[in-house]
């Protein structure tokens, strides 16, 4: 997801928490909502940008928890959320608390009459039951449970506690996740250095609420909030959600090749300067070449560039023969076939 610009209606630079927020707004907000709003005030005071992913990582919440908190404060009229043409969150406007308080006063009677309904609507659709020892024992005796617990222990890196086993039972019996989806869920969280099952449960519930039933759907849903994916898309001049093929390229660059973002951005910049078409394929060609040449830092790229310039200078200084193209290594590339392959993607 793109970085979010945070700004206020007025031009004050204070990061202090207004008394009005403490007196009028904290009481009705939950822990996540309060943390998110205070963090926004802090980031505004520091003049720094942030993102949904950054806030989620900061407080060990899911991205959906953060979005819910932002929408809560939007309903309270403490902030405005701004979206780009593809409906991606791109900006947050912090409003004057006095204006929000005036608006709340107008709606006071309606708020009181609807308070019970609002509380009911905020109840999570999926709740983890309190499993008994007998239920846990029955789960462990199921045919496929042993393999599932082994997979979980492999990802977490230790034997599971009874509480963690109950979380796995929750995923299967209440959320109705398949073994493949639970496998992907654990991999997704561990890849983000999140091994706490409270966090894993939050991710699982957010997927269930979105109707995710397969690893492919989970990957597509998770990519909506992955700041690195959208940063790379932006560098290549792309907008909107990535296609499955584009996600394959990005995952190869970040996971298989293990490139840092500055290396990927360098390849993207060269791609944009070179072509308007098939940019993912072009960037993949650059990064695949750098991977073969053991590039780890931008200094390695400069080394490759300097070597190329020296070789080019050496070739150009040689006397030209009857056919100057004989100075270059001959390659048997079928450019027609390559063009057809690119156009078919």
C-alpha atoms as a PDB file:
ATOM      1  CA  UNK A   1       0.000   0.000   0.000  1.00  0.00           C
ATOM      2  CA  UNK A   2       1.215   3.503  -0.762  1.00  0.00           C
ATOM      3  CA  UNK A   3       2.571   5.865   1.883  1.00  0.00           C
ATOM      4  CA  UNK A   4      -0.117   7.979   3.504  1.00  0.00           C
ATOM      5  CA  UNK A   5       0.059  11.748   3.756  1.00  0.00           C
ATOM      6  CA  UNK A   6      -1.251  13.072   7.083  1.00  0.00           C
ATOM      7  CA  UNK A   7      -2.205  16.705   7.495  1.00  0.00           C
ATOM      8  CA  UNK A   8      -4.521  18.883   9.564  1.00  0.00           C
ATOM      9  CA  UNK A   9      -7.128  21.495   8.734  1.00  0.00           C
ATOM     10  CA  UNK A  10      -5.150  24.113  10.601  1.00  0.00           C
ATOM     11  CA  UNK A  11      -1.436  24.758  10.407  1.00  0.00           C
ATOM     12  CA  UNK A  12      -0.499  24.136  14.028  1.00  0.00           C
ATOM     13  CA  UNK A  13       2.486  21.903  14.632  1.00  0.00           C
ATOM     14  CA  UNK A  14       1.602  20.597  18.084  1.00  0.00           C
ATOM     15  CA  UNK A  15       1.652  16.883  18.777  1.00  0.00           C
ATOM     16  CA  UNK A  16       0.039  17.199  22.205  1.00  0.00           C
ATOM     17  CA  UNK A  17      -3.156  15.259  22.806  1.00  0.00           C
ATOM     18  CA  UNK A  18      -6.097  17.679  23.118  1.00  0.00           C
ATOM     19  CA  UNK A  19      -8.081  17.454  26.354  1.00  0.00           C
ATOM     20  CA  UNK A  20     -11.248  17.223  24.289  1.00  0.00           C
ATOM     21  CA  UNK A  21     -10.051  13.907  22.837  1.00  0.00           C
ATOM     22  CA  UNK A  22      -9.450  12.523  26.336  1.00  0.00           C
ATOM     23  CA  UNK A  23     -12.728  13.860  27.726  1.00  0.00           C
ATOM     24  CA  UNK A  24     -15.087  13.092  24.859  1.00  0.00           C
ATOM     25  CA  UNK A  25     -13.635  10.429  22.548  1.00  0.00           C
ATOM     26  CA  UNK A  26     -11.395   7.986  24.430  1.00  0.00           C
ATOM     27  CA  UNK A  27     -14.175   6.454  26.497  1.00  0.00           C
ATOM     28  CA  UNK A  28     -16.040   4.999  23.523  1.00  0.00           C
ATOM     29  CA  UNK A  29     -12.968   3.776  21.618  1.00  0.00           C
ATOM     30  CA  UNK A  30     -11.232   0.439  21.943  1.00  0.00           C
ATOM     31  CA  UNK A  31      -7.523  -0.155  22.433  1.00  0.00           C
ATOM     32  CA  UNK A  32      -6.650  -0.380  18.742  1.00  0.00           C
ATOM     33  CA  UNK A  33      -8.611   2.745  17.838  1.00  0.00           C
ATOM     34  CA  UNK A  34      -6.926   4.833  20.527  1.00  0.00           C
ATOM     35  CA  UNK A  35      -3.452   3.613  19.577  1.00  0.00           C
ATOM     36  CA  UNK A  36      -3.994   4.381  15.907  1.00  0.00           C
ATOM     37  CA  UNK A  37      -5.251   7.915  16.526  1.00  0.00           C
ATOM     38  CA  UNK A  38      -2.454   8.766  18.968  1.00  0.00           C
ATOM     39  CA  UNK A  39       0.096   7.378  16.519  1.00  0.00           C
ATOM     40  CA  UNK A  40      -1.307   9.565  13.753  1.00  0.00           C
ATOM     41  CA  UNK A  41      -0.911  12.613  16.004  1.00  0.00           C
ATOM     42  CA  UNK A  42       2.665  11.562  16.735  1.00  0.00           C
ATOM     43  CA  UNK A  43       3.569  11.071  13.072  1.00  0.00           C
ATOM     44  CA  UNK A  44       1.979  14.378  12.129  1.00  0.00           C
ATOM     45  CA  UNK A  45       3.946  16.189  14.826  1.00  0.00           C
ATOM     46  CA  UNK A  46       7.165  14.616  13.518  1.00  0.00           C
ATOM     47  CA  UNK A  47       6.286  15.458   9.918  1.00  0.00           C
ATOM     48  CA  UNK A  48       6.719  11.829   8.874  1.00  0.00           C
ATOM     49  CA  UNK A  49       4.782   9.656   6.430  1.00  0.00           C
ATOM     50  CA  UNK A  50       3.356   6.294   7.406  1.00  0.00           C
ATOM     51  CA  UNK A  51       1.248   3.468   5.966  1.00  0.00           C
ATOM     52  CA  UNK A  52      -1.360   0.950   7.063  1.00  0.00           C
ATOM     53  CA  UNK A  53       1.343  -1.726   7.127  1.00  0.00           C
ATOM     54  CA  UNK A  54       3.654   0.434   9.269  1.00  0.00           C
ATOM     55  CA  UNK A  55       0.912   1.068  11.832  1.00  0.00           C
ATOM     56  CA  UNK A  56      -0.051  -2.621  11.902  1.00  0.00           C
ATOM     57  CA  UNK A  57       3.567  -3.654  12.505  1.00  0.00           C
ATOM     58  CA  UNK A  58       3.996  -0.993  15.180  1.00  0.00           C
ATOM     59  CA  UNK A  59       1.164  -2.299  17.358  1.00  0.00           C
ATOM     60  CA  UNK A  60       1.096  -5.964  16.316  1.00  0.00           C
ATOM     61  CA  UNK A  61      -2.315  -5.543  14.687  1.00  0.00           C
ATOM     62  CA  UNK A  62      -3.492  -6.715  11.296  1.00  0.00           C
ATOM     63  CA  UNK A  63      -3.878  -4.232   8.455  1.00  0.00           C
ATOM     64  CA  UNK A  64      -7.633  -4.725   8.684  1.00  0.00           C
ATOM     65  CA  UNK A  65      -7.562  -3.733  12.375  1.00  0.00           C
ATOM     66  CA  UNK A  66      -5.881  -0.491  11.360  1.00  0.00           C
ATOM     67  CA  UNK A  67      -8.348   0.200   8.535  1.00  0.00           C
ATOM     68  CA  UNK A  68     -11.250  -0.426  10.928  1.00  0.00           C
ATOM     69  CA  UNK A  69      -9.767   2.028  13.425  1.00  0.00           C
ATOM     70  CA  UNK A  70      -9.318   4.663  10.721  1.00  0.00           C
ATOM     71  CA  UNK A  71     -12.913   4.235   9.578  1.00  0.00           C
ATOM     72  CA  UNK A  72     -14.078   4.475  13.196  1.00  0.00           C
ATOM     73  CA  UNK A  73     -12.414   7.878  13.592  1.00  0.00           C
ATOM     74  CA  UNK A  74     -13.754   8.921  10.210  1.00  0.00           C
ATOM     75  CA  UNK A  75     -17.286   8.216  11.458  1.00  0.00           C
ATOM     76  CA  UNK A  76     -16.492  10.285  14.536  1.00  0.00           C
ATOM     77  CA  UNK A  77     -15.387  13.026  12.118  1.00  0.00           C
ATOM     78  CA  UNK A  78     -11.933  13.286  13.670  1.00  0.00           C
ATOM     79  CA  UNK A  79     -10.333  12.583  10.304  1.00  0.00           C
ATOM     80  CA  UNK A  80     -11.073  12.232   6.605  1.00  0.00           C
ATOM     81  CA  UNK A  81      -9.772   9.321   4.528  1.00  0.00           C
ATOM     82  CA  UNK A  82      -8.697  10.024   0.971  1.00  0.00           C
ATOM     83  CA  UNK A  83      -8.563   7.444  -1.817  1.00  0.00           C
ATOM     84  CA  UNK A  84      -6.981   7.373  -5.252  1.00  0.00           C
ATOM     85  CA  UNK A  85      -8.856   6.481  -8.438  1.00  0.00           C
ATOM     86  CA  UNK A  86      -8.312   2.773  -7.740  1.00  0.00           C
ATOM     87  CA  UNK A  87      -9.891   3.120  -4.271  1.00  0.00           C
ATOM     88  CA  UNK A  88      -6.557   2.647  -2.479  1.00  0.00           C
ATOM     89  CA  UNK A  89      -6.133   4.680   0.712  1.00  0.00           C
ATOM     90  CA  UNK A  90      -3.638   7.444  -0.068  1.00  0.00           C
ATOM     91  CA  UNK A  91      -4.129  10.205   2.513  1.00  0.00           C
ATOM     92  CA  UNK A  92      -5.451  11.079   5.956  1.00  0.00           C
ATOM     93  CA  UNK A  93      -6.692  14.520   6.948  1.00  0.00           C
ATOM     94  CA  UNK A  94      -6.774  15.137  10.704  1.00  0.00           C
ATOM     95  CA  UNK A  95      -9.700  17.392  11.470  1.00  0.00           C
ATOM     96  CA  UNK A  96     -10.102  20.053  14.139  1.00  0.00           C
ATOM     97  CA  UNK A  97     -11.531  18.369  17.255  1.00  0.00           C
ATOM     98  CA  UNK A  98     -13.773  21.345  18.049  1.00  0.00           C
ATOM     99  CA  UNK A  99     -15.540  20.947  14.693  1.00  0.00           C
ATOM    100  CA  UNK A 100     -16.007  17.230  15.315  1.00  0.00           C
ATOM    101  CA  UNK A 101     -17.430  17.922  18.782  1.00  0.00           C
ATOM    102  CA  UNK A 102     -19.983  20.350  17.340  1.00  0.00           C
ATOM    103  CA  UNK A 103     -21.097  17.757  14.807  1.00  0.00           C
ATOM    104  CA  UNK A 104     -21.395  15.132  17.563  1.00  0.00           C
ATOM    105  CA  UNK A 105     -23.599  17.440  19.611  1.00  0.00           C
ATOM    106  CA  UNK A 106     -26.062  17.701  16.728  1.00  0.00           C
ATOM    107  CA  UNK A 107     -26.249  13.911  16.508  1.00  0.00           C
ATOM    108  CA  UNK A 108     -26.336  13.259  20.261  1.00  0.00           C
ATOM    109  CA  UNK A 109     -29.932  12.037  20.478  1.00  0.00           C
ATOM    110  CA  UNK A 110     -29.524   9.700  17.528  1.00  0.00           C
ATOM    111  CA  UNK A 111     -26.282   8.352  18.929  1.00  0.00           C
ATOM    112  CA  UNK A 112     -27.902   7.527  22.266  1.00  0.00           C
ATOM    113  CA  UNK A 113     -30.823   5.751  20.662  1.00  0.00           C
ATOM    114  CA  UNK A 114     -28.587   3.719  18.381  1.00  0.00           C
ATOM    115  CA  UNK A 115     -25.864   2.896  20.897  1.00  0.00           C
ATOM    116  CA  UNK A 116     -27.101  -0.637  21.560  1.00  0.00           C
ATOM    117  CA  UNK A 117     -27.398  -1.351  17.841  1.00  0.00           C
ATOM    118  CA  UNK A 118     -23.908   0.013  17.175  1.00  0.00           C
ATOM    119  CA  UNK A 119     -22.426  -2.158  19.899  1.00  0.00           C
ATOM    120  CA  UNK A 120     -24.104  -5.213  18.401  1.00  0.00           C
ATOM    121  CA  UNK A 121     -22.793  -4.355  14.938  1.00  0.00           C
ATOM    122  CA  UNK A 122     -19.256  -4.164  16.309  1.00  0.00           C
ATOM    123  CA  UNK A 123     -19.370  -7.724  17.609  1.00  0.00           C
ATOM    124  CA  UNK A 124     -16.946  -9.836  15.585  1.00  0.00           C
ATOM    125  CA  UNK A 125     -18.681 -12.359  13.305  1.00  0.00           C
ATOM    126  CA  UNK A 126     -16.123 -15.028  14.262  1.00  0.00           C
ATOM    127  CA  UNK A 127     -15.387 -15.740  17.916  1.00  0.00           C
ATOM    128  CA  UNK A 128     -13.012 -18.360  19.279  1.00  0.00           C
ATOM    129  CA  UNK A 129     -14.833 -20.861  21.531  1.00  0.00           C
ATOM    130  CA  UNK A 130     -13.514 -21.987  24.886  1.00  0.00           C
ATOM    131  CA  UNK A 131     -12.418 -25.507  24.063  1.00  0.00           C
ATOM    132  CA  UNK A 132     -12.423 -28.184  26.765  1.00  0.00           C
ATOM    133  CA  UNK A 133      -9.542 -30.669  27.269  1.00  0.00           C
ATOM    134  CA  UNK A 134     -11.795 -33.405  25.824  1.00  0.00           C
ATOM    135  CA  UNK A 135     -12.395 -31.382  22.653  1.00  0.00           C
ATOM    136  CA  UNK A 136      -8.663 -30.763  22.248  1.00  0.00           C
ATOM    137  CA  UNK A 137      -7.944 -34.465  22.803  1.00  0.00           C
ATOM    138  CA  UNK A 138     -10.522 -35.416  20.155  1.00  0.00           C
ATOM    139  CA  UNK A 139      -8.943 -32.951  17.724  1.00  0.00           C
ATOM    140  CA  UNK A 140      -5.448 -34.382  18.273  1.00  0.00           C
ATOM    141  CA  UNK A 141      -6.796 -37.888  17.527  1.00  0.00           C
ATOM    142  CA  UNK A 142      -8.136 -36.937  14.085  1.00  0.00           C
ATOM    143  CA  UNK A 143      -6.453 -38.555  11.109  1.00  0.00           C
ATOM    144  CA  UNK A 144      -4.927 -35.406   9.559  1.00  0.00           C
ATOM    145  CA  UNK A 145      -4.193 -33.470  12.775  1.00  0.00           C
ATOM    146  CA  UNK A 146      -0.737 -34.918  13.398  1.00  0.00           C
ATOM    147  CA  UNK A 147       0.537 -33.687  10.025  1.00  0.00           C
ATOM    148  CA  UNK A 148      -1.104 -30.280  10.516  1.00  0.00           C
ATOM    149  CA  UNK A 149       0.472 -29.803  13.946  1.00  0.00           C
ATOM    150  CA  UNK A 150       3.851 -30.895  12.576  1.00  0.00           C
ATOM    151  CA  UNK A 151       3.600 -28.219   9.865  1.00  0.00           C
ATOM    152  CA  UNK A 152       2.664 -25.593  12.465  1.00  0.00           C
ATOM    153  CA  UNK A 153       5.558 -26.561  14.734  1.00  0.00           C
ATOM    154  CA  UNK A 154       7.953 -26.401  11.780  1.00  0.00           C
ATOM    155  CA  UNK A 155       6.928 -22.813  11.029  1.00  0.00           C
ATOM    156  CA  UNK A 156       6.835 -21.652  14.649  1.00  0.00           C
ATOM    157  CA  UNK A 157      10.082 -23.436  15.504  1.00  0.00           C
ATOM    158  CA  UNK A 158       8.924 -25.117  18.722  1.00  0.00           C
ATOM    159  CA  UNK A 159       6.328 -27.585  20.043  1.00  0.00           C
ATOM    160  CA  UNK A 160       2.873 -26.052  20.249  1.00  0.00           C
ATOM    161  CA  UNK A 161       1.286 -25.298  23.606  1.00  0.00           C
ATOM    162  CA  UNK A 162      -2.294 -26.512  24.287  1.00  0.00           C
ATOM    163  CA  UNK A 163      -3.489 -22.913  23.738  1.00  0.00           C
ATOM    164  CA  UNK A 164      -1.810 -22.790  20.325  1.00  0.00           C
ATOM    165  CA  UNK A 165      -3.308 -26.162  19.395  1.00  0.00           C
ATOM    166  CA  UNK A 166      -6.734 -24.739  20.243  1.00  0.00           C
ATOM    167  CA  UNK A 167      -6.011 -21.923  17.773  1.00  0.00           C
ATOM    168  CA  UNK A 168      -5.383 -24.510  15.040  1.00  0.00           C
ATOM    169  CA  UNK A 169      -8.652 -26.207  16.038  1.00  0.00           C
ATOM    170  CA  UNK A 170     -10.380 -22.811  15.756  1.00  0.00           C
ATOM    171  CA  UNK A 171      -9.050 -22.380  12.217  1.00  0.00           C
ATOM    172  CA  UNK A 172     -10.443 -25.747  11.127  1.00  0.00           C
ATOM    173  CA  UNK A 173     -13.741 -25.998  13.050  1.00  0.00           C
ATOM    174  CA  UNK A 174     -14.967 -22.382  13.128  1.00  0.00           C
ATOM    175  CA  UNK A 175     -13.227 -20.648  10.229  1.00  0.00           C
ATOM    176  CA  UNK A 176     -13.342 -23.840   8.114  1.00  0.00           C
ATOM    177  CA  UNK A 177      -9.830 -23.304   6.752  1.00  0.00           C
ATOM    178  CA  UNK A 178      -8.346 -26.120   4.705  1.00  0.00           C
ATOM    179  CA  UNK A 179      -4.953 -27.570   5.650  1.00  0.00           C
ATOM    180  CA  UNK A 180      -3.415 -25.757   2.666  1.00  0.00           C
ATOM    181  CA  UNK A 181      -4.848 -22.431   3.791  1.00  0.00           C
ATOM    182  CA  UNK A 182      -3.615 -22.937   7.371  1.00  0.00           C
ATOM    183  CA  UNK A 183      -0.197 -23.800   5.944  1.00  0.00           C
ATOM    184  CA  UNK A 184      -0.197 -20.550   3.935  1.00  0.00           C
ATOM    185  CA  UNK A 185      -1.510 -18.561   6.936  1.00  0.00           C
ATOM    186  CA  UNK A 186       1.381 -19.699   9.125  1.00  0.00           C
ATOM    187  CA  UNK A 187       3.901 -19.095   6.350  1.00  0.00           C
ATOM    188  CA  UNK A 188       2.500 -15.612   5.717  1.00  0.00           C
ATOM    189  CA  UNK A 189       2.780 -14.608   9.391  1.00  0.00           C
ATOM    190  CA  UNK A 190       6.203 -16.167   9.992  1.00  0.00           C
ATOM    191  CA  UNK A 191       7.576 -14.465   6.864  1.00  0.00           C
ATOM    192  CA  UNK A 192       6.650 -11.195   8.607  1.00  0.00           C
ATOM    193  CA  UNK A 193       8.367 -12.310  11.837  1.00  0.00           C
ATOM    194  CA  UNK A 194       4.997 -12.769  13.542  1.00  0.00           C
ATOM    195  CA  UNK A 195       4.878 -16.026  15.538  1.00  0.00           C
ATOM    196  CA  UNK A 196       2.436 -14.890  18.223  1.00  0.00           C
ATOM    197  CA  UNK A 197      -0.799 -16.864  17.822  1.00  0.00           C
ATOM    198  CA  UNK A 198      -2.868 -13.870  18.919  1.00  0.00           C
ATOM    199  CA  UNK A 199      -1.619 -12.077  15.821  1.00  0.00           C
ATOM    200  CA  UNK A 200      -2.069 -15.183  13.656  1.00  0.00           C
ATOM    201  CA  UNK A 201      -5.684 -15.481  14.849  1.00  0.00           C
ATOM    202  CA  UNK A 202      -6.355 -11.843  13.903  1.00  0.00           C
ATOM    203  CA  UNK A 203      -5.048 -12.455  10.395  1.00  0.00           C
ATOM    204  CA  UNK A 204      -7.102 -15.634  10.080  1.00  0.00           C
ATOM    205  CA  UNK A 205     -10.296 -13.863  11.194  1.00  0.00           C
ATOM    206  CA  UNK A 206      -9.707 -10.992   8.751  1.00  0.00           C
ATOM    207  CA  UNK A 207      -9.334 -13.519   5.924  1.00  0.00           C
ATOM    208  CA  UNK A 208     -12.479 -15.370   6.985  1.00  0.00           C
ATOM    209  CA  UNK A 209     -14.440 -12.100   7.046  1.00  0.00           C
ATOM    210  CA  UNK A 210     -13.300 -11.429   3.480  1.00  0.00           C
ATOM    211  CA  UNK A 211     -14.433 -14.869   2.342  1.00  0.00           C
ATOM    212  CA  UNK A 212     -10.910 -16.177   1.736  1.00  0.00           C
ATOM    213  CA  UNK A 213     -10.991 -19.942   1.215  1.00  0.00           C
ATOM    214  CA  UNK A 214      -7.730 -20.730  -0.609  1.00  0.00           C
ATOM    215  CA  UNK A 215      -4.044 -19.744  -0.515  1.00  0.00           C
ATOM    216  CA  UNK A 216      -4.439 -17.993  -3.881  1.00  0.00           C
ATOM    217  CA  UNK A 217      -7.249 -15.798  -2.540  1.00  0.00           C
ATOM    218  CA  UNK A 218      -5.239 -15.113   0.623  1.00  0.00           C
ATOM    219  CA  UNK A 219      -2.242 -14.017  -1.441  1.00  0.00           C
ATOM    220  CA  UNK A 220      -4.381 -11.649  -3.472  1.00  0.00           C
ATOM    221  CA  UNK A 221      -6.055 -10.220  -0.363  1.00  0.00           C
ATOM    222  CA  UNK A 222      -2.770  -9.787   1.520  1.00  0.00           C
ATOM    223  CA  UNK A 223      -1.163  -7.997  -1.436  1.00  0.00           C
ATOM    224  CA  UNK A 224      -3.696  -5.166  -1.057  1.00  0.00           C
ATOM    225  CA  UNK A 225      -1.915  -4.109   2.132  1.00  0.00           C
ATOM    226  CA  UNK A 226       1.669  -5.034   1.238  1.00  0.00           C
ATOM    227  CA  UNK A 227       3.494  -1.716   1.016  1.00  0.00           C
ATOM    228  CA  UNK A 228       6.469  -3.211  -0.876  1.00  0.00           C
ATOM    229  CA  UNK A 229       4.214  -4.582  -3.630  1.00  0.00           C
ATOM    230  CA  UNK A 230       2.592  -1.221  -4.265  1.00  0.00           C
ATOM    231  CA  UNK A 231       5.913   0.591  -4.009  1.00  0.00           C
ATOM    232  CA  UNK A 232       7.319  -1.606  -6.796  1.00  0.00           C
ATOM    233  CA  UNK A 233       4.138  -1.209  -8.849  1.00  0.00           C
ATOM    234  CA  UNK A 234       4.453   2.557  -8.507  1.00  0.00           C
ATOM    235  CA  UNK A 235       8.114   2.509  -9.553  1.00  0.00           C
ATOM    236  CA  UNK A 236       7.116   0.702 -12.748  1.00  0.00           C
ATOM    237  CA  UNK A 237       4.360   3.218 -13.461  1.00  0.00           C
ATOM    238  CA  UNK A 238       1.588   0.783 -12.595  1.00  0.00           C
ATOM    239  CA  UNK A 239      -1.555   1.555 -10.618  1.00  0.00           C
ATOM    240  CA  UNK A 240      -4.230  -0.649  -9.101  1.00  0.00           C
ATOM    241  CA  UNK A 241      -3.864  -4.157  -7.709  1.00  0.00           C
ATOM    242  CA  UNK A 242      -1.183  -6.413  -9.201  1.00  0.00           C
ATOM    243  CA  UNK A 243      -2.149  -9.378 -11.349  1.00  0.00           C
ATOM    244  CA  UNK A 244      -1.153 -12.879 -10.287  1.00  0.00           C
ATOM    245  CA  UNK A 245       1.651 -12.830 -12.879  1.00  0.00           C
ATOM    246  CA  UNK A 246       2.952  -9.493 -11.587  1.00  0.00           C
ATOM    247  CA  UNK A 247       2.890 -10.868  -8.035  1.00  0.00           C
ATOM    248  CA  UNK A 248       4.954 -13.834  -9.225  1.00  0.00           C
ATOM    249  CA  UNK A 249       7.600 -11.454 -10.568  1.00  0.00           C
ATOM    250  CA  UNK A 250       7.657  -9.378  -7.358  1.00  0.00           C
ATOM    251  CA  UNK A 251       7.852 -12.455  -5.132  1.00  0.00           C
ATOM    252  CA  UNK A 252      10.743 -13.785  -7.215  1.00  0.00           C
ATOM    253  CA  UNK A 253      12.653 -10.507  -6.844  1.00  0.00           C
ATOM    254  CA  UNK A 254      12.062 -10.147  -3.116  1.00  0.00           C
ATOM    255  CA  UNK A 255      12.044 -13.775  -1.942  1.00  0.00           C
ATOM    256  CA  UNK A 256      13.844 -15.989  -4.467  1.00  0.00           C
ATOM    257  CA  UNK A 257      16.505 -13.437  -5.421  1.00  0.00           C
ATOM    258  CA  UNK A 258      16.410 -11.783  -1.998  1.00  0.00           C
ATOM    259  CA  UNK A 259      16.960  -8.278  -3.385  1.00  0.00           C
ATOM    260  CA  UNK A 260      16.506  -5.248  -1.141  1.00  0.00           C
ATOM    261  CA  UNK A 261      14.103  -2.526  -2.264  1.00  0.00           C
ATOM    262  CA  UNK A 262      16.874  -0.159  -3.397  1.00  0.00           C
ATOM    263  CA  UNK A 263      18.194  -2.781  -5.836  1.00  0.00           C
ATOM    264  CA  UNK A 264      14.694  -3.458  -7.189  1.00  0.00           C
ATOM    265  CA  UNK A 265      13.990   0.281  -7.501  1.00  0.00           C
ATOM    266  CA  UNK A 266      17.218   0.708  -9.493  1.00  0.00           C
ATOM    267  CA  UNK A 267      16.069  -1.973 -11.941  1.00  0.00           C
ATOM    268  CA  UNK A 268      12.626  -0.357 -12.138  1.00  0.00           C
ATOM    269  CA  UNK A 269      14.145   3.051 -12.902  1.00  0.00           C
ATOM    270  CA  UNK A 270      16.251   1.613 -15.726  1.00  0.00           C
ATOM    271  CA  UNK A 271      13.194  -0.227 -17.034  1.00  0.00           C
ATOM    272  CA  UNK A 272      11.023   2.901 -17.164  1.00  0.00           C
ATOM    273  CA  UNK A 273      13.767   4.792 -19.023  1.00  0.00           C
ATOM    274  CA  UNK A 274      14.135   1.957 -21.519  1.00  0.00           C
ATOM    275  CA  UNK A 275      10.612   0.874 -22.432  1.00  0.00           C
ATOM    276  CA  UNK A 276       6.896   1.577 -22.132  1.00  0.00           C
ATOM    277  CA  UNK A 277       5.866  -2.041 -22.741  1.00  0.00           C
ATOM    278  CA  UNK A 278       6.351  -5.327 -20.889  1.00  0.00           C
ATOM    279  CA  UNK A 279       8.012  -3.543 -18.003  1.00  0.00           C
ATOM    280  CA  UNK A 280       7.765  -6.469 -15.592  1.00  0.00           C
ATOM    281  CA  UNK A 281       9.442  -8.765 -18.101  1.00  0.00           C
ATOM    282  CA  UNK A 282      12.147  -6.170 -18.795  1.00  0.00           C
ATOM    283  CA  UNK A 283      12.808  -5.562 -15.091  1.00  0.00           C
ATOM    284  CA  UNK A 284      12.874  -9.311 -14.498  1.00  0.00           C
ATOM    285  CA  UNK A 285      15.564  -9.618 -17.163  1.00  0.00           C
ATOM    286  CA  UNK A 286      17.698  -7.017 -15.376  1.00  0.00           C
ATOM    287  CA  UNK A 287      17.227  -8.518 -11.935  1.00  0.00           C
ATOM    288  CA  UNK A 288      17.774 -12.085 -13.164  1.00  0.00           C
ATOM    289  CA  UNK A 289      21.083 -10.939 -14.678  1.00  0.00           C
ATOM    290  CA  UNK A 290      22.096  -9.214 -11.445  1.00  0.00           C
ATOM    291  CA  UNK A 291      21.183 -12.317  -9.463  1.00  0.00           C
ATOM    292  CA  UNK A 292      23.456 -14.431 -11.680  1.00  0.00           C
ATOM    293  CA  UNK A 293      26.228 -11.860 -11.183  1.00  0.00           C
ATOM    294  CA  UNK A 294      25.871 -12.048  -7.392  1.00  0.00           C
ATOM    295  CA  UNK A 295      24.633  -8.501  -6.858  1.00  0.00           C
ATOM    296  CA  UNK A 296      23.885  -7.657  -3.218  1.00  0.00           C
ATOM    297  CA  UNK A 297      24.494  -3.907  -3.004  1.00  0.00           C
ATOM    298  CA  UNK A 298      24.306  -0.909  -5.311  1.00  0.00           C
ATOM    299  CA  UNK A 299      28.123  -0.900  -5.285  1.00  0.00           C
ATOM    300  CA  UNK A 300      27.949  -4.259  -7.083  1.00  0.00           C
ATOM    301  CA  UNK A 301      25.789  -2.655  -9.780  1.00  0.00           C
ATOM    302  CA  UNK A 302      28.326   0.140 -10.236  1.00  0.00           C
ATOM    303  CA  UNK A 303      31.050  -2.489 -10.578  1.00  0.00           C
ATOM    304  CA  UNK A 304      29.090  -4.259 -13.320  1.00  0.00           C
ATOM    305  CA  UNK A 305      28.375  -0.964 -15.102  1.00  0.00           C
ATOM    306  CA  UNK A 306      32.042   0.059 -15.007  1.00  0.00           C
ATOM    307  CA  UNK A 307      33.133  -3.328 -16.346  1.00  0.00           C
ATOM    308  CA  UNK A 308      30.603  -3.033 -19.168  1.00  0.00           C
ATOM    309  CA  UNK A 309      31.850   0.457 -20.090  1.00  0.00           C
ATOM    310  CA  UNK A 310      35.465  -0.746 -20.145  1.00  0.00           C
ATOM    311  CA  UNK A 311      34.567  -3.664 -22.409  1.00  0.00           C
ATOM    312  CA  UNK A 312      32.590  -1.362 -24.652  1.00  0.00           C
ATOM    313  CA  UNK A 313      35.475   1.099 -24.830  1.00  0.00           C
ATOM    314  CA  UNK A 314      37.905  -1.719 -25.681  1.00  0.00           C
ATOM    315  CA  UNK A 315      35.674  -2.969 -28.477  1.00  0.00           C
ATOM    316  CA  UNK A 316      35.210   0.496 -29.968  1.00  0.00           C
ATOM    317  CA  UNK A 317      38.967   1.163 -29.975  1.00  0.00           C
ATOM    318  CA  UNK A 318      39.705  -1.904 -32.151  1.00  0.00           C
ATOM    319  CA  UNK A 319      40.047  -1.277 -35.925  1.00  0.00           C
ATOM    320  CA  UNK A 320      36.860  -2.079 -37.749  1.00  0.00           C
ATOM    321  CA  UNK A 321      36.982  -4.960 -40.197  1.00  0.00           C
ATOM    322  CA  UNK A 322      34.831  -5.764 -43.164  1.00  0.00           C
ATOM    323  CA  UNK A 323      31.982  -6.508 -40.788  1.00  0.00           C
ATOM    324  CA  UNK A 324      32.130  -4.464 -37.593  1.00  0.00           C
ATOM    325  CA  UNK A 325      29.468  -6.671 -36.011  1.00  0.00           C
ATOM    326  CA  UNK A 326      31.982  -9.529 -35.899  1.00  0.00           C
ATOM    327  CA  UNK A 327      33.461  -7.804 -32.841  1.00  0.00           C
ATOM    328  CA  UNK A 328      30.412  -8.838 -30.807  1.00  0.00           C
ATOM    329  CA  UNK A 329      29.613 -12.291 -29.559  1.00  0.00           C
ATOM    330  CA  UNK A 330      27.053 -13.828 -31.852  1.00  0.00           C
ATOM    331  CA  UNK A 331      23.803 -14.847 -30.169  1.00  0.00           C
ATOM    332  CA  UNK A 332      21.167 -17.049 -31.700  1.00  0.00           C
ATOM    333  CA  UNK A 333      18.151 -15.217 -30.273  1.00  0.00           C
ATOM    334  CA  UNK A 334      14.833 -15.700 -32.024  1.00  0.00           C
ATOM    335  CA  UNK A 335      13.506 -12.155 -31.578  1.00  0.00           C
ATOM    336  CA  UNK A 336      10.229 -12.934 -33.360  1.00  0.00           C
ATOM    337  CA  UNK A 337       9.527 -15.756 -30.937  1.00  0.00           C
ATOM    338  CA  UNK A 338      10.510 -13.580 -27.986  1.00  0.00           C
ATOM    339  CA  UNK A 339       8.152 -10.823 -29.126  1.00  0.00           C
ATOM    340  CA  UNK A 340       5.285 -13.322 -29.469  1.00  0.00           C
ATOM    341  CA  UNK A 341       5.993 -14.673 -25.980  1.00  0.00           C
ATOM    342  CA  UNK A 342       5.932 -11.203 -24.452  1.00  0.00           C
ATOM    343  CA  UNK A 343       2.724 -10.251 -26.221  1.00  0.00           C
ATOM    344  CA  UNK A 344       1.036 -13.434 -25.065  1.00  0.00           C
ATOM    345  CA  UNK A 345       1.659 -12.621 -21.373  1.00  0.00           C
END
